[in-house]
PDB file of N, CA and C in Angstrom:
ATOM      1  N   UNK A   1     117.360  37.471 130.489  1.00  0.00           N
ATOM      2  CA  UNK A   1     115.968  37.646 130.100  1.00  0.00           C
ATOM      3  C   UNK A   1     115.507  36.371 129.410  1.00  0.00           C
ATOM      4  N   UNK A   2     114.349  35.872 129.735  1.00  0.00           N
ATOM      5  CA  UNK A   2     113.806  34.658 129.143  1.00  0.00           C
ATOM      6  C   UNK A   2     113.231  34.941 127.769  1.00  0.00           C
ATOM      7  N   UNK A   3     113.099  33.895 126.952  1.00  0.00           N
ATOM      8  CA  UNK A   3     112.592  34.059 125.598  1.00  0.00           C
ATOM      9  C   UNK A   3     111.184  34.618 125.576  1.00  0.00           C
ATOM     10  N   UNK A   4     110.392  34.337 126.593  1.00  0.00           N
ATOM     11  CA  UNK A   4     109.021  34.816 126.626  1.00  0.00           C
ATOM     12  C   UNK A   4     108.871  36.235 127.132  1.00  0.00           C
ATOM     13  N   UNK A   5     109.941  36.789 127.741  1.00  0.00           N
ATOM     14  CA  UNK A   5     109.865  38.147 128.276  1.00  0.00           C
ATOM     15  C   UNK A   5     109.856  39.161 127.161  1.00  0.00           C
ATOM     16  N   UNK A   6     109.165  40.272 127.418  1.00  0.00           N
ATOM     17  CA  UNK A   6     109.222  41.357 126.444  1.00  0.00           C
ATOM     18  C   UNK A   6     110.157  42.411 126.990  1.00  0.00           C
ATOM     19  N   UNK A   7     110.854  43.044 126.131  1.00  0.00           N
ATOM     20  CA  UNK A   7     111.795  44.064 126.546  1.00  0.00           C
ATOM     21  C   UNK A   7     112.596  44.514 125.358  1.00  0.00           C
ATOM     22  N   UNK A   8     113.580  45.321 125.619  1.00  0.00           N
ATOM     23  CA  UNK A   8     114.395  45.842 124.544  1.00  0.00           C
ATOM     24  C   UNK A   8     115.131  44.711 123.831  1.00  0.00           C
ATOM     25  N   UNK A   9     115.003  44.678 122.516  1.00  0.00           N
ATOM     26  CA  UNK A   9     115.682  43.671 121.734  1.00  0.00           C
ATOM     27  C   UNK A   9     114.943  42.354 121.621  1.00  0.00           C
ATOM     28  N   UNK A  10     113.810  42.208 122.292  1.00  0.00           N
ATOM     29  CA  UNK A  10     113.086  40.938 122.192  1.00  0.00           C
ATOM     30  C   UNK A  10     112.181  40.943 120.967  1.00  0.00           C
ATOM     31  N   UNK A  11     111.910  39.751 120.457  1.00  0.00           N
ATOM     32  CA  UNK A  11     111.066  39.599 119.277  1.00  0.00           C
ATOM     33  C   UNK A  11     109.861  38.766 119.663  1.00  0.00           C
ATOM     34  N   UNK A  12     108.684  39.251 119.334  1.00  0.00           N
ATOM     35  CA  UNK A  12     107.463  38.505 119.599  1.00  0.00           C
ATOM     36  C   UNK A  12     107.245  37.540 118.435  1.00  0.00           C
ATOM     37  N   UNK A  13     107.158  36.245 118.736  1.00  0.00           N
ATOM     38  CA  UNK A  13     106.943  35.241 117.713  1.00  0.00           C
ATOM     39  C   UNK A  13     105.594  34.594 117.965  1.00  0.00           C
ATOM     40  N   UNK A  14     104.735  34.631 116.937  1.00  0.00           N
ATOM     41  CA  UNK A  14     103.439  33.985 117.043  1.00  0.00           C
ATOM     42  C   UNK A  14     103.612  32.521 116.681  1.00  0.00           C
ATOM     43  N   UNK A  15     103.173  31.618 117.564  1.00  0.00           N
ATOM     44  CA  UNK A  15     103.316  30.202 117.236  1.00  0.00           C
ATOM     45  C   UNK A  15     102.499  29.835 116.001  1.00  0.00           C
ATOM     46  N   UNK A  16     103.020  28.899 115.212  1.00  0.00           N
ATOM     47  CA  UNK A  16     102.335  28.460 114.005  1.00  0.00           C
ATOM     48  C   UNK A  16     101.072  27.710 114.392  1.00  0.00           C
ATOM     49  N   UNK A  17     100.010  27.977 113.638  1.00  0.00           N
ATOM     50  CA  UNK A  17      98.761  27.268 113.863  1.00  0.00           C
ATOM     51  C   UNK A  17      97.875  27.331 112.638  1.00  0.00           C
ATOM     52  N   UNK A  18      97.000  26.349 112.510  1.00  0.00           N
ATOM     53  CA  UNK A  18      96.058  26.284 111.403  1.00  0.00           C
ATOM     54  C   UNK A  18      94.681  25.992 111.984  1.00  0.00           C
ATOM     55  N   UNK A  19      93.710  26.839 111.655  1.00  0.00           N
ATOM     56  CA  UNK A  19      92.322  26.628 112.065  1.00  0.00           C
ATOM     57  C   UNK A  19      91.476  26.538 110.804  1.00  0.00           C
ATOM     58  N   UNK A  20      90.500  25.644 110.819  1.00  0.00           N
ATOM     59  CA  UNK A  20      89.623  25.472 109.670  1.00  0.00           C
ATOM     60  C   UNK A  20      88.190  25.727 110.123  1.00  0.00           C
ATOM     61  N   UNK A  21      87.494  26.538 109.332  1.00  0.00           N
ATOM     62  CA  UNK A  21      86.080  26.803 109.599  1.00  0.00           C
ATOM     63  C   UNK A  21      85.349  26.877 108.263  1.00  0.00           C
ATOM     64  N   UNK A  22      84.050  27.009 108.313  1.00  0.00           N
ATOM     65  CA  UNK A  22      83.272  27.128 107.088  1.00  0.00           C
ATOM     66  C   UNK A  22      82.716  25.794 106.631  1.00  0.00           C
ATOM     67  N   UNK A  23      82.126  25.821 105.454  1.00  0.00           N
ATOM     68  CA  UNK A  23      81.486  24.630 104.882  1.00  0.00           C
ATOM     69  C   UNK A  23      82.542  23.621 104.443  1.00  0.00           C
ATOM     70  N   UNK A  24      82.199  22.317 104.442  1.00  0.00           N
ATOM     71  CA  UNK A  24      83.174  21.301 104.025  1.00  0.00           C
ATOM     72  C   UNK A  24      83.676  21.485 102.594  1.00  0.00           C
ATOM     73  N   UNK A  25      82.837  21.981 101.686  1.00  0.00           N
ATOM     74  CA  UNK A  25      83.289  22.167 100.309  1.00  0.00           C
ATOM     75  C   UNK A  25      83.943  23.525 100.086  1.00  0.00           C
ATOM     76  N   UNK A  26      83.768  24.460 101.012  1.00  0.00           N
ATOM     77  CA  UNK A  26      84.367  25.792 100.891  1.00  0.00           C
ATOM     78  C   UNK A  26      84.926  26.236 102.240  1.00  0.00           C
ATOM     79  N   UNK A  27      85.937  25.533 102.736  1.00  0.00           N
ATOM     80  CA  UNK A  27      86.482  25.878 104.044  1.00  0.00           C
ATOM     81  C   UNK A  27      87.344  27.139 104.008  1.00  0.00           C
ATOM     82  N   UNK A  28      87.446  27.768 105.169  1.00  0.00           N
ATOM     83  CA  UNK A  28      88.340  28.907 105.359  1.00  0.00           C
ATOM     84  C   UNK A  28      89.456  28.420 106.268  1.00  0.00           C
ATOM     85  N   UNK A  29      90.683  28.507 105.785  1.00  0.00           N
ATOM     86  CA  UNK A  29      91.848  28.062 106.547  1.00  0.00           C
ATOM     87  C   UNK A  29      92.558  29.304 107.068  1.00  0.00           C
ATOM     88  N   UNK A  30      92.605  29.434 108.390  1.00  0.00           N
ATOM     89  CA  UNK A  30      93.245  30.593 109.015  1.00  0.00           C
ATOM     90  C   UNK A  30      94.611  30.156 109.520  1.00  0.00           C
ATOM     91  N   UNK A  31      95.651  30.779 108.984  1.00  0.00           N
ATOM     92  CA  UNK A  31      97.031  30.423 109.326  1.00  0.00           C
ATOM     93  C   UNK A  31      97.609  31.526 110.194  1.00  0.00           C
ATOM     94  N   UNK A  32      98.164  31.148 111.335  1.00  0.00           N
ATOM     95  CA  UNK A  32      98.841  32.107 112.204  1.00  0.00           C
ATOM     96  C   UNK A  32     100.300  31.703 112.336  1.00  0.00           C
ATOM     97  N   UNK A  33     101.143  32.665 112.604  1.00  0.00           N
ATOM     98  CA  UNK A  33     102.556  32.382 112.760  1.00  0.00           C
ATOM     99  C   UNK A  33     103.285  32.387 111.435  1.00  0.00           C
ATOM    100  N   UNK A  34     104.530  31.996 111.490  1.00  0.00           N
ATOM    101  CA  UNK A  34     105.389  32.003 110.312  1.00  0.00           C
ATOM    102  C   UNK A  34     105.298  30.681 109.560  1.00  0.00           C
ATOM    103  N   UNK A  35     105.264  30.775 108.233  1.00  0.00           N
ATOM    104  CA  UNK A  35     105.337  29.579 107.398  1.00  0.00           C
ATOM    105  C   UNK A  35     106.770  29.491 106.902  1.00  0.00           C
ATOM    106  N   UNK A  36     107.433  28.394 107.255  1.00  0.00           N
ATOM    107  CA  UNK A  36     108.809  28.192 106.828  1.00  0.00           C
ATOM    108  C   UNK A  36     109.035  26.713 106.563  1.00  0.00           C
ATOM    109  N   UNK A  37     110.274  26.309 106.434  1.00  0.00           N
ATOM    110  CA  UNK A  37     110.607  24.921 106.117  1.00  0.00           C
ATOM    111  C   UNK A  37     110.067  23.971 107.180  1.00  0.00           C
ATOM    112  N   UNK A  38     110.074  24.405 108.422  1.00  0.00           N
ATOM    113  CA  UNK A  38     109.626  23.531 109.514  1.00  0.00           C
ATOM    114  C   UNK A  38     108.107  23.409 109.589  1.00  0.00           C
ATOM    115  N   UNK A  39     107.388  24.467 109.221  1.00  0.00           N
ATOM    116  CA  UNK A  39     105.936  24.464 109.392  1.00  0.00           C
ATOM    117  C   UNK A  39     105.154  24.191 108.117  1.00  0.00           C
ATOM    118  N   UNK A  40     105.773  24.369 106.951  1.00  0.00           N
ATOM    119  CA  UNK A  40     105.027  24.181 105.708  1.00  0.00           C
ATOM    120  C   UNK A  40     104.484  22.766 105.528  1.00  0.00           C
ATOM    121  N   UNK A  41     105.172  21.708 105.992  1.00  0.00           N
ATOM    122  CA  UNK A  41     104.567  20.377 105.860  1.00  0.00           C
ATOM    123  C   UNK A  41     103.236  20.241 106.619  1.00  0.00           C
ATOM    124  N   UNK A  42     103.121  20.910 107.756  1.00  0.00           N
ATOM    125  CA  UNK A  42     101.858  20.868 108.514  1.00  0.00           C
ATOM    126  C   UNK A  42     100.735  21.515 107.716  1.00  0.00           C
ATOM    127  N   UNK A  43     101.027  22.649 107.092  1.00  0.00           N
ATOM    128  CA  UNK A  43     100.017  23.333 106.282  1.00  0.00           C
ATOM    129  C   UNK A  43      99.666  22.494 105.063  1.00  0.00           C
ATOM    130  N   UNK A  44     100.663  21.933 104.408  1.00  0.00           N
ATOM    131  CA  UNK A  44     100.417  21.086 103.237  1.00  0.00           C
ATOM    132  C   UNK A  44      99.540  19.891 103.606  1.00  0.00           C
ATOM    133  N   UNK A  45      99.823  19.250 104.734  1.00  0.00           N
ATOM    134  CA  UNK A  45      99.031  18.096 105.188  1.00  0.00           C
ATOM    135  C   UNK A  45      97.583  18.496 105.417  1.00  0.00           C
ATOM    136  N   UNK A  46      97.374  19.645 106.044  1.00  0.00           N
ATOM    137  CA  UNK A  46      96.012  20.120 106.313  1.00  0.00           C
ATOM    138  C   UNK A  46      95.266  20.404 105.012  1.00  0.00           C
ATOM    139  N   UNK A  47      95.930  21.068 104.076  1.00  0.00           N
ATOM    140  CA  UNK A  47      95.288  21.393 102.798  1.00  0.00           C
ATOM    141  C   UNK A  47      94.983  20.129 101.997  1.00  0.00           C
ATOM    142  N   UNK A  48      95.926  19.177 101.973  1.00  0.00           N
ATOM    143  CA  UNK A  48      95.678  17.913 101.276  1.00  0.00           C
ATOM    144  C   UNK A  48      94.505  17.168 101.889  1.00  0.00           C
ATOM    145  N   UNK A  49      94.410  17.200 103.200  1.00  0.00           N
ATOM    146  CA  UNK A  49      93.305  16.540 103.892  1.00  0.00           C
ATOM    147  C   UNK A  49      91.959  17.160 103.503  1.00  0.00           C
ATOM    148  N   UNK A  50      91.919  18.473 103.396  1.00  0.00           N
ATOM    149  CA  UNK A  50      90.681  19.154 102.999  1.00  0.00           C
ATOM    150  C   UNK A  50      90.277  18.767 101.579  1.00  0.00           C
ATOM    151  N   UNK A  51      91.248  18.711 100.674  1.00  0.00           N
ATOM    152  CA  UNK A  51      90.955  18.341  99.293  1.00  0.00           C
ATOM    153  C   UNK A  51      90.454  16.895  99.230  1.00  0.00           C
ATOM    154  N   UNK A  52      91.087  16.009  99.983  1.00  0.00           N
ATOM    155  CA  UNK A  52      90.664  14.606 100.004  1.00  0.00           C
ATOM    156  C   UNK A  52      89.237  14.448 100.537  1.00  0.00           C
ATOM    157  N   UNK A  53      88.817  15.362 101.421  1.00  0.00           N
ATOM    158  CA  UNK A  53      87.451  15.307 101.964  1.00  0.00           C
ATOM    159  C   UNK A  53      86.441  16.050 101.089  1.00  0.00           C
ATOM    160  N   UNK A  54      86.871  16.521  99.908  1.00  0.00           N
ATOM    161  CA  UNK A  54      85.939  17.108  98.956  1.00  0.00           C
ATOM    162  C   UNK A  54      85.888  18.626  98.906  1.00  0.00           C
ATOM    163  N   UNK A  55      86.825  19.300  99.562  1.00  0.00           N
ATOM    164  CA  UNK A  55      86.852  20.765  99.504  1.00  0.00           C
ATOM    165  C   UNK A  55      87.247  21.204  98.093  1.00  0.00           C
ATOM    166  N   UNK A  56      86.456  22.105  97.523  1.00  0.00           N
ATOM    167  CA  UNK A  56      86.742  22.586  96.165  1.00  0.00           C
ATOM    168  C   UNK A  56      87.062  24.076  96.117  1.00  0.00           C
ATOM    169  N   UNK A  57      86.735  24.809  97.160  1.00  0.00           N
ATOM    170  CA  UNK A  57      86.949  26.256  97.175  1.00  0.00           C
ATOM    171  C   UNK A  57      87.565  26.632  98.515  1.00  0.00           C
ATOM    172  N   UNK A  58      88.877  26.521  98.627  1.00  0.00           N
ATOM    173  CA  UNK A  58      89.576  26.756  99.888  1.00  0.00           C
ATOM    174  C   UNK A  58      90.059  28.201  99.927  1.00  0.00           C
ATOM    175  N   UNK A  59      89.725  28.885 101.006  1.00  0.00           N
ATOM    176  CA  UNK A  59      90.174  30.259 101.213  1.00  0.00           C
ATOM    177  C   UNK A  59      91.238  30.266 102.297  1.00  0.00           C
ATOM    178  N   UNK A  60      92.389  30.868 102.004  1.00  0.00           N
ATOM    179  CA  UNK A  60      93.462  30.993 102.990  1.00  0.00           C
ATOM    180  C   UNK A  60      93.465  32.405 103.553  1.00  0.00           C
ATOM    181  N   UNK A  61      93.521  32.493 104.869  1.00  0.00           N
ATOM    182  CA  UNK A  61      93.637  33.789 105.542  1.00  0.00           C
ATOM    183  C   UNK A  61      94.898  33.758 106.387  1.00  0.00           C
ATOM    184  N   UNK A  62      95.687  34.818 106.270  1.00  0.00           N
ATOM    185  CA  UNK A  62      96.909  34.933 107.039  1.00  0.00           C
ATOM    186  C   UNK A  62      96.763  36.083 108.016  1.00  0.00           C
ATOM    187  N   UNK A  63      97.620  36.135 109.023  1.00  0.00           N
ATOM    188  CA  UNK A  63      97.553  37.179 110.035  1.00  0.00           C
ATOM    189  C   UNK A  63      97.673  38.572 109.442  1.00  0.00           C
ATOM    190  N   UNK A  64      97.232  39.565 110.178  1.00  0.00           N
ATOM    191  CA  UNK A  64      97.212  40.945 109.723  1.00  0.00           C
ATOM    192  C   UNK A  64      98.571  41.501 109.356  1.00  0.00           C
ATOM    193  N   UNK A  65      99.649  40.950 109.929  1.00  0.00           N
ATOM    194  CA  UNK A  65     100.981  41.453 109.631  1.00  0.00           C
ATOM    195  C   UNK A  65     101.322  41.259 108.163  1.00  0.00           C
ATOM    196  N   UNK A  66     100.832  40.172 107.573  1.00  0.00           N
ATOM    197  CA  UNK A  66     101.108  39.928 106.161  1.00  0.00           C
ATOM    198  C   UNK A  66     100.424  40.971 105.284  1.00  0.00           C
ATOM    199  N   UNK A  67      99.231  41.388 105.662  1.00  0.00           N
ATOM    200  CA  UNK A  67      98.529  42.416 104.902  1.00  0.00           C
ATOM    201  C   UNK A  67      99.309  43.725 104.952  1.00  0.00           C
ATOM    202  N   UNK A  68      99.794  44.072 106.122  1.00  0.00           N
ATOM    203  CA  UNK A  68     100.567  45.301 106.261  1.00  0.00           C
ATOM    204  C   UNK A  68     101.829  45.286 105.425  1.00  0.00           C
ATOM    205  N   UNK A  69     102.532  44.155 105.426  1.00  0.00           N
ATOM    206  CA  UNK A  69     103.758  44.083 104.627  1.00  0.00           C
ATOM    207  C   UNK A  69     103.440  44.085 103.132  1.00  0.00           C
ATOM    208  N   UNK A  70     102.304  43.510 102.747  1.00  0.00           N
ATOM    209  CA  UNK A  70     101.914  43.528 101.331  1.00  0.00           C
ATOM    210  C   UNK A  70     101.587  44.947 100.876  1.00  0.00           C
ATOM    211  N   UNK A  71     100.906  45.701 101.716  1.00  0.00           N
ATOM    212  CA  UNK A  71     100.576  47.089 101.381  1.00  0.00           C
ATOM    213  C   UNK A  71     101.854  47.922 101.296  1.00  0.00           C
ATOM    214  N   UNK A  72     102.752  47.706 102.231  1.00  0.00           N
ATOM    215  CA  UNK A  72     104.020  48.435 102.221  1.00  0.00           C
ATOM    216  C   UNK A  72     104.831  48.101 100.972  1.00  0.00           C
ATOM    217  N   UNK A  73     104.871  46.825 100.610  1.00  0.00           N
ATOM    218  CA  UNK A  73     105.592  46.416  99.399  1.00  0.00           C
ATOM    219  C   UNK A  73     104.970  47.052  98.159  1.00  0.00           C
ATOM    220  N   UNK A  74     103.638  47.076  98.107  1.00  0.00           N
ATOM    221  CA  UNK A  74     102.971  47.689  96.957  1.00  0.00           C
ATOM    222  C   UNK A  74     103.314  49.167  96.860  1.00  0.00           C
ATOM    223  N   UNK A  75     103.306  49.849  97.988  1.00  0.00           N
ATOM    224  CA  UNK A  75     103.570  51.286  97.982  1.00  0.00           C
ATOM    225  C   UNK A  75     105.021  51.609  97.631  1.00  0.00           C
ATOM    226  N   UNK A  76     105.949  50.818  98.134  1.00  0.00           N
ATOM    227  CA  UNK A  76     107.364  51.134  97.944  1.00  0.00           C
ATOM    228  C   UNK A  76     107.987  50.509  96.698  1.00  0.00           C
ATOM    229  N   UNK A  77     107.400  49.422  96.184  1.00  0.00           N
ATOM    230  CA  UNK A  77     108.022  48.726  95.064  1.00  0.00           C
ATOM    231  C   UNK A  77     107.131  48.732  93.825  1.00  0.00           C
ATOM    232  N   UNK A  78     105.931  48.210  93.959  1.00  0.00           N
ATOM    233  CA  UNK A  78     105.089  47.997  92.787  1.00  0.00           C
ATOM    234  C   UNK A  78     104.572  49.295  92.171  1.00  0.00           C
ATOM    235  N   UNK A  79     104.158  50.258  92.982  1.00  0.00           N
ATOM    236  CA  UNK A  79     103.657  51.521  92.429  1.00  0.00           C
ATOM    237  C   UNK A  79     104.748  52.305  91.703  1.00  0.00           C
ATOM    238  N   UNK A  80     105.956  52.434  92.270  1.00  0.00           N
ATOM    239  CA  UNK A  80     107.009  53.115  91.496  1.00  0.00           C
ATOM    240  C   UNK A  80     107.354  52.383  90.200  1.00  0.00           C
ATOM    241  N   UNK A  81     107.364  51.049  90.225  1.00  0.00           N
ATOM    242  CA  UNK A  81     107.628  50.306  88.992  1.00  0.00           C
ATOM    243  C   UNK A  81     106.540  50.542  87.957  1.00  0.00           C
ATOM    244  N   UNK A  82     105.288  50.595  88.401  1.00  0.00           N
ATOM    245  CA  UNK A  82     104.188  50.873  87.473  1.00  0.00           C
ATOM    246  C   UNK A  82     104.343  52.270  86.871  1.00  0.00           C
ATOM    247  N   UNK A  83     104.743  53.240  87.685  1.00  0.00           N
ATOM    248  CA  UNK A  83     104.945  54.600  87.175  1.00  0.00           C
ATOM    249  C   UNK A  83     106.059  54.622  86.127  1.00  0.00           C
ATOM    250  N   UNK A  84     107.142  53.894  86.373  1.00  0.00           N
ATOM    251  CA  UNK A  84     108.238  53.831  85.397  1.00  0.00           C
ATOM    252  C   UNK A  84     107.755  53.186  84.107  1.00  0.00           C
ATOM    253  N   UNK A  85     106.963  52.122  84.219  1.00  0.00           N
ATOM    254  CA  UNK A  85     106.442  51.451  83.014  1.00  0.00           C
ATOM    255  C   UNK A  85     105.567  52.401  82.196  1.00  0.00           C
ATOM    256  N   UNK A  86     104.698  53.175  82.866  1.00  0.00           N
ATOM    257  CA  UNK A  86     103.860  54.141  82.145  1.00  0.00           C
ATOM    258  C   UNK A  86     104.720  55.199  81.471  1.00  0.00           C
ATOM    259  N   UNK A  87     105.765  55.656  82.150  1.00  0.00           N
ATOM    260  CA  UNK A  87     106.644  56.669  81.580  1.00  0.00           C
ATOM    261  C   UNK A  87     107.363  56.121  80.349  1.00  0.00           C
ATOM    262  N   UNK A  88     107.890  54.894  80.450  1.00  0.00           N
ATOM    263  CA  UNK A  88     108.595  54.281  79.323  1.00  0.00           C
ATOM    264  C   UNK A  88     107.637  54.063  78.160  1.00  0.00           C
ATOM    265  N   UNK A  89     106.431  53.574  78.436  1.00  0.00           N
ATOM    266  CA  UNK A  89     105.451  53.335  77.369  1.00  0.00           C
ATOM    267  C   UNK A  89     105.075  54.644  76.678  1.00  0.00           C
ATOM    268  N   UNK A  90     104.867  55.701  77.457  1.00  0.00           N
ATOM    269  CA  UNK A  90     104.536  57.001  76.868  1.00  0.00           C
ATOM    270  C   UNK A  90     105.677  57.543  76.034  1.00  0.00           C
ATOM    271  N   UNK A  91     106.895  57.385  76.533  1.00  0.00           N
ATOM    272  CA  UNK A  91     108.073  57.851  75.799  1.00  0.00           C
ATOM    273  C   UNK A  91     108.246  57.043  74.509  1.00  0.00           C
ATOM    274  N   UNK A  92     108.023  55.749  74.570  1.00  0.00           N
ATOM    275  CA  UNK A  92     108.132  54.905  73.377  1.00  0.00           C
ATOM    276  C   UNK A  92     107.062  55.283  72.359  1.00  0.00           C
ATOM    277  N   UNK A  93     105.874  55.581  72.826  1.00  0.00           N
ATOM    278  CA  UNK A  93     104.791  55.977  71.920  1.00  0.00           C
ATOM    279  C   UNK A  93     105.151  57.270  71.192  1.00  0.00           C
ATOM    280  N   UNK A  94     105.715  58.235  71.918  1.00  0.00           N
ATOM    281  CA  UNK A  94     106.132  59.495  71.288  1.00  0.00           C
ATOM    282  C   UNK A  94     107.260  59.257  70.289  1.00  0.00           C
ATOM    283  N   UNK A  95     108.186  58.369  70.632  1.00  0.00           N
ATOM    284  CA  UNK A  95     109.307  58.081  69.730  1.00  0.00           C
ATOM    285  C   UNK A  95     108.818  57.436  68.441  1.00  0.00           C
ATOM    286  N   UNK A  96     107.877  56.514  68.533  1.00  0.00           N
ATOM    287  CA  UNK A  96     107.324  55.865  67.332  1.00  0.00           C
ATOM    288  C   UNK A  96     106.570  56.880  66.492  1.00  0.00           C
ATOM    289  N   UNK A  97     105.774  57.728  67.143  1.00  0.00           N
ATOM    290  CA  UNK A  97     105.018  58.746  66.403  1.00  0.00           C
ATOM    291  C   UNK A  97     105.972  59.699  65.687  1.00  0.00           C
ATOM    292  N   UNK A  98     107.047  60.111  66.352  1.00  0.00           N
ATOM    293  CA  UNK A  98     108.032  60.993  65.718  1.00  0.00           C
ATOM    294  C   UNK A  98     108.725  60.299  64.550  1.00  0.00           C
ATOM    295  N   UNK A  99     109.067  59.019  64.715  1.00  0.00           N
ATOM    296  CA  UNK A  99     109.731  58.281  63.642  1.00  0.00           C
ATOM    297  C   UNK A  99     108.818  58.147  62.434  1.00  0.00           C
ATOM    298  N   UNK A 100     107.535  57.884  62.682  1.00  0.00           N
ATOM    299  CA  UNK A 100     106.593  57.763  61.565  1.00  0.00           C
ATOM    300  C   UNK A 100     106.412  59.104  60.851  1.00  0.00           C
ATOM    301  N   UNK A 101     106.341  60.187  61.610  1.00  0.00           N
ATOM    302  CA  UNK A 101     106.195  61.517  61.029  1.00  0.00           C
ATOM    303  C   UNK A 101     107.435  61.886  60.224  1.00  0.00           C
ATOM    304  N   UNK A 102     108.625  61.643  60.790  1.00  0.00           N
ATOM    305  CA  UNK A 102     109.889  61.931  60.090  1.00  0.00           C
ATOM    306  C   UNK A 102     110.008  61.084  58.844  1.00  0.00           C
ATOM    307  N   UNK A 103     109.598  59.818  58.914  1.00  0.00           N
ATOM    308  CA  UNK A 103     109.655  58.920  57.758  1.00  0.00           C
ATOM    309  C   UNK A 103     108.736  59.362  56.651  1.00  0.00           C
ATOM    310  N   UNK A 104     107.545  59.836  57.016  1.00  0.00           N
ATOM    311  CA  UNK A 104     106.588  60.300  56.035  1.00  0.00           C
ATOM    312  C   UNK A 104     107.087  61.571  55.349  1.00  0.00           C
ATOM    313  N   UNK A 105     107.719  62.461  56.123  1.00  0.00           N
ATOM    314  CA  UNK A 105     108.265  63.701  55.547  1.00  0.00           C
ATOM    315  C   UNK A 105     109.425  63.396  54.611  1.00  0.00           C
ATOM    316  N   UNK A 106     110.280  62.442  54.993  1.00  0.00           N
ATOM    317  CA  UNK A 106     111.419  62.068  54.139  1.00  0.00           C
ATOM    318  C   UNK A 106     110.937  61.437  52.839  1.00  0.00           C
ATOM    319  N   UNK A 107     109.930  60.608  52.910  1.00  0.00           N
ATOM    320  CA  UNK A 107     109.387  59.949  51.698  1.00  0.00           C
ATOM    321  C   UNK A 107     108.727  60.967  50.774  1.00  0.00           C
ATOM    322  N   UNK A 108     108.129  62.025  51.335  1.00  0.00           N
ATOM    323  CA  UNK A 108     107.470  63.039  50.532  1.00  0.00           C
ATOM    324  C   UNK A 108     108.496  63.905  49.801  1.00  0.00           C
ATOM    325  N   UNK A 109     109.670  64.068  50.361  1.00  0.00           N
ATOM    326  CA  UNK A 109     110.693  64.920  49.729  1.00  0.00           C
ATOM    327  C   UNK A 109     111.422  64.171  48.716  1.00  0.00           C
TER     328      UNK A 109
END
């Protein structure tokens, strides 16, 4: 099976690309494909070029797959961690309140 064929076990790879649109001072940079050690210099060169030409408000847009993985990460990692933090903070607040109440009762006796 050739690399371009689709089938069982094949992986679809989107070629890396950078497109720029929008105003010269506020360009939108649309990045497709994977950013890795091989492709990051191309992105860096493009961004540096925009800054040198006077861009002050650069917006980066990545493919939809990144949004999906970010949402999945938030749902599976960040939300449970936030729930644990709220639980710990609430438990700590109750512990401090109990310690202050117990301390006040001991001082009164």
